[in-house]
Protein backbone atom coordinates (compact mmCIF):
# COMPACT_ATOMS: atom_id res chain seq x y z
CA MET A 1 -10.70 10.00 38.04
CA GLN A 2 -9.45 7.41 35.58
CA PRO A 3 -8.28 8.59 32.12
CA ILE A 4 -10.62 7.81 29.25
CA GLN A 5 -9.04 5.18 27.01
CA LEU A 6 -11.62 5.26 24.21
CA PHE A 7 -9.77 7.90 22.19
CA ALA A 8 -6.44 6.05 22.48
CA LEU A 9 -8.14 2.80 21.48
CA ALA A 10 -9.82 4.47 18.49
CA SER A 11 -6.47 5.96 17.45
CA LYS A 12 -4.81 2.54 17.64
CA GLN A 13 -7.58 1.02 15.54
CA ALA A 14 -7.28 3.83 12.97
CA GLU A 15 -3.55 3.08 12.66
CA TRP A 16 -4.31 -0.63 12.22
CA LEU A 17 -6.97 0.11 9.61
CA SER A 18 -4.53 2.36 7.74
CA VAL A 19 -1.94 -0.42 7.59
CA ARG A 20 -4.57 -2.95 6.51
CA GLN A 21 -5.87 -0.65 3.77
CA GLU A 22 -2.32 -0.18 2.48
CA VAL A 23 -1.74 -3.96 2.39
CA VAL A 24 -5.06 -4.55 0.59
CA ALA A 25 -4.25 -1.80 -1.93
CA ASN A 26 -0.84 -3.39 -2.59
CA ASN A 27 -2.49 -6.77 -3.12
CA ILE A 28 -4.92 -5.25 -5.64
CA ALA A 29 -2.12 -3.35 -7.40
CA ASN A 30 -0.11 -6.56 -7.74
CA ALA A 31 -3.00 -8.79 -8.84
CA ASN A 32 -1.27 -9.43 -12.20
CA THR A 33 2.30 -9.60 -10.89
CA PRO A 34 3.76 -13.09 -11.40
CA GLN A 35 4.80 -14.91 -8.19
CA TYR A 36 3.22 -12.22 -5.97
CA LYS A 37 1.88 -13.67 -2.71
CA ALA A 38 -1.13 -11.93 -1.20
CA LYS A 39 -0.56 -10.43 2.26
CA ASP A 40 -2.77 -9.49 5.17
CA VAL A 41 -2.26 -8.02 8.64
CA ALA A 42 -2.71 -9.67 12.01
CA SER A 43 -6.20 -9.16 13.41
CA PHE A 44 -6.93 -6.15 15.60
CA ASP A 45 -7.56 -8.57 18.46
CA ALA A 46 -3.92 -9.64 18.18
CA VAL A 47 -2.88 -5.98 18.33
CA LEU A 48 -5.02 -5.46 21.44
CA ASP A 49 -3.52 -8.55 23.07
CA ASN A 50 -0.13 -6.84 22.81
CA THR A 51 -1.24 -3.33 23.77
CA SER A 52 0.34 -1.08 26.39
CA MET A 53 -3.05 0.40 27.11
CA ARG A 54 -4.45 -1.17 30.22
CA MET A 55 -8.16 -1.79 30.34
CA ALA A 56 -9.79 -1.16 33.70
CA ARG A 57 -10.55 -4.37 35.54
CA THR A 58 -13.40 -3.67 37.95
CA ASN A 59 -14.45 -7.27 38.55
CA ALA A 60 -12.44 -10.49 38.92
CA ALA A 61 -14.59 -12.09 36.19
CA HIS A 62 -13.49 -9.51 33.62
CA PHE A 63 -10.70 -10.19 31.15
CA GLY A 64 -7.18 -9.63 32.42
CA ASP A 65 -4.79 -6.83 31.60
CA SER A 66 -3.08 -6.72 28.23
CA THR A 67 0.27 -5.37 26.94
CA LEU A 68 0.96 -3.67 23.46
CA SER A 69 3.51 -3.35 20.70
CA ASN A 70 3.18 -0.61 18.10
CA ASN A 71 3.95 -2.95 15.22
CA VAL A 72 1.17 -4.40 13.13
CA LYS A 73 2.31 -7.75 11.84
CA VAL A 74 1.98 -8.17 8.07
CA GLU A 75 1.94 -11.80 7.04
CA GLU A 76 1.27 -13.90 3.96
CA ALA A 77 -2.48 -14.30 3.54
CA ALA A 78 -4.09 -17.71 3.73
CA LEU A 79 -4.48 -19.34 0.33
CA ASN A 80 -7.89 -18.66 -1.21
CA ASP A 81 -9.63 -21.97 -1.92
CA GLU A 82 -11.57 -20.49 -4.86
CA ILE A 83 -8.55 -19.53 -6.95
CA GLY A 84 -5.64 -21.34 -5.32
CA ILE A 85 -2.30 -20.49 -6.89
CA GLN A 86 -2.70 -19.14 -10.42
CA GLU A 87 -0.49 -20.25 -13.31
CA SER A 88 1.65 -17.16 -12.79
CA GLY A 89 2.22 -18.14 -9.16
CA ASN A 90 0.07 -15.21 -7.94
CA THR A 91 -2.30 -15.82 -5.00
CA VAL A 92 -4.36 -12.59 -5.09
CA ALA A 93 -8.15 -13.03 -5.34
CA LEU A 94 -9.56 -9.65 -6.40
CA SER A 95 -13.04 -10.41 -5.05
CA LYS A 96 -11.59 -11.17 -1.61
CA GLU A 97 -9.38 -8.05 -1.64
CA LEU A 98 -12.31 -5.82 -2.63
CA SER A 99 -14.33 -7.38 0.18
CA LYS A 100 -11.50 -6.58 2.62
CA ALA A 101 -11.41 -2.98 1.36
CA GLY A 102 -15.14 -2.63 2.06
CA GLU A 103 -14.65 -4.15 5.50
CA VAL A 104 -11.90 -1.62 6.29
CA LYS A 105 -14.19 1.22 5.21
CA ARG A 106 -17.07 -0.03 7.38
CA GLN A 107 -14.83 -0.50 10.41
CA TYR A 108 -13.35 2.99 10.02
CA GLU A 109 -16.80 4.59 9.71
CA LEU A 110 -18.06 2.72 12.78
CA SER A 111 -15.04 3.76 14.83
CA ALA A 112 -15.28 7.39 13.69
CA ASN A 113 -18.99 7.54 14.51
CA LEU A 114 -18.43 6.03 17.96
CA VAL A 115 -15.73 8.58 18.75
CA LYS A 116 -17.93 11.40 17.46
CA SER A 117 -20.85 10.25 19.62
CA PHE A 118 -18.65 9.83 22.69
CA ASN A 119 -17.14 13.28 22.15
CA SER A 120 -20.61 14.81 21.87
CA MET A 121 -21.66 13.06 25.06
CA MET A 122 -18.61 14.37 26.90
CA LEU A 123 -19.27 17.92 25.67
CA LEU A 124 -22.87 17.71 26.88
CA THR A 125 -21.74 16.74 30.38
CA VAL A 126 -19.23 19.63 30.48
CA LYS A 127 -21.83 22.22 29.40
CA ARG A 128 -24.07 21.44 32.38
């Protein structure tokens, strides 16, 4: 029997979401700091592309194996076209950061609900 990777994948995504939430919170906290450059993290797809978790490949048409690093890359965020660089040299757009915070919350809730449902399904199969 193959090990179930869903819980490891959900854990990795929770770590990524935690780092992203921290970066977004720092951007919001430094919205009035002169010369502060907004930051963001590499997408979760990029994290999965470098994961040590191997996805089962049951058909030649499926995606290939991937390899993982535990580091989530934090990089300077792309310049927001709406605000550009402010007079202070700051590049934080509060509306965009608040939108990112909401996105993190939605992704976390989705992941948590999927894990909860999968856990319930596994418990049902064990009870029989």
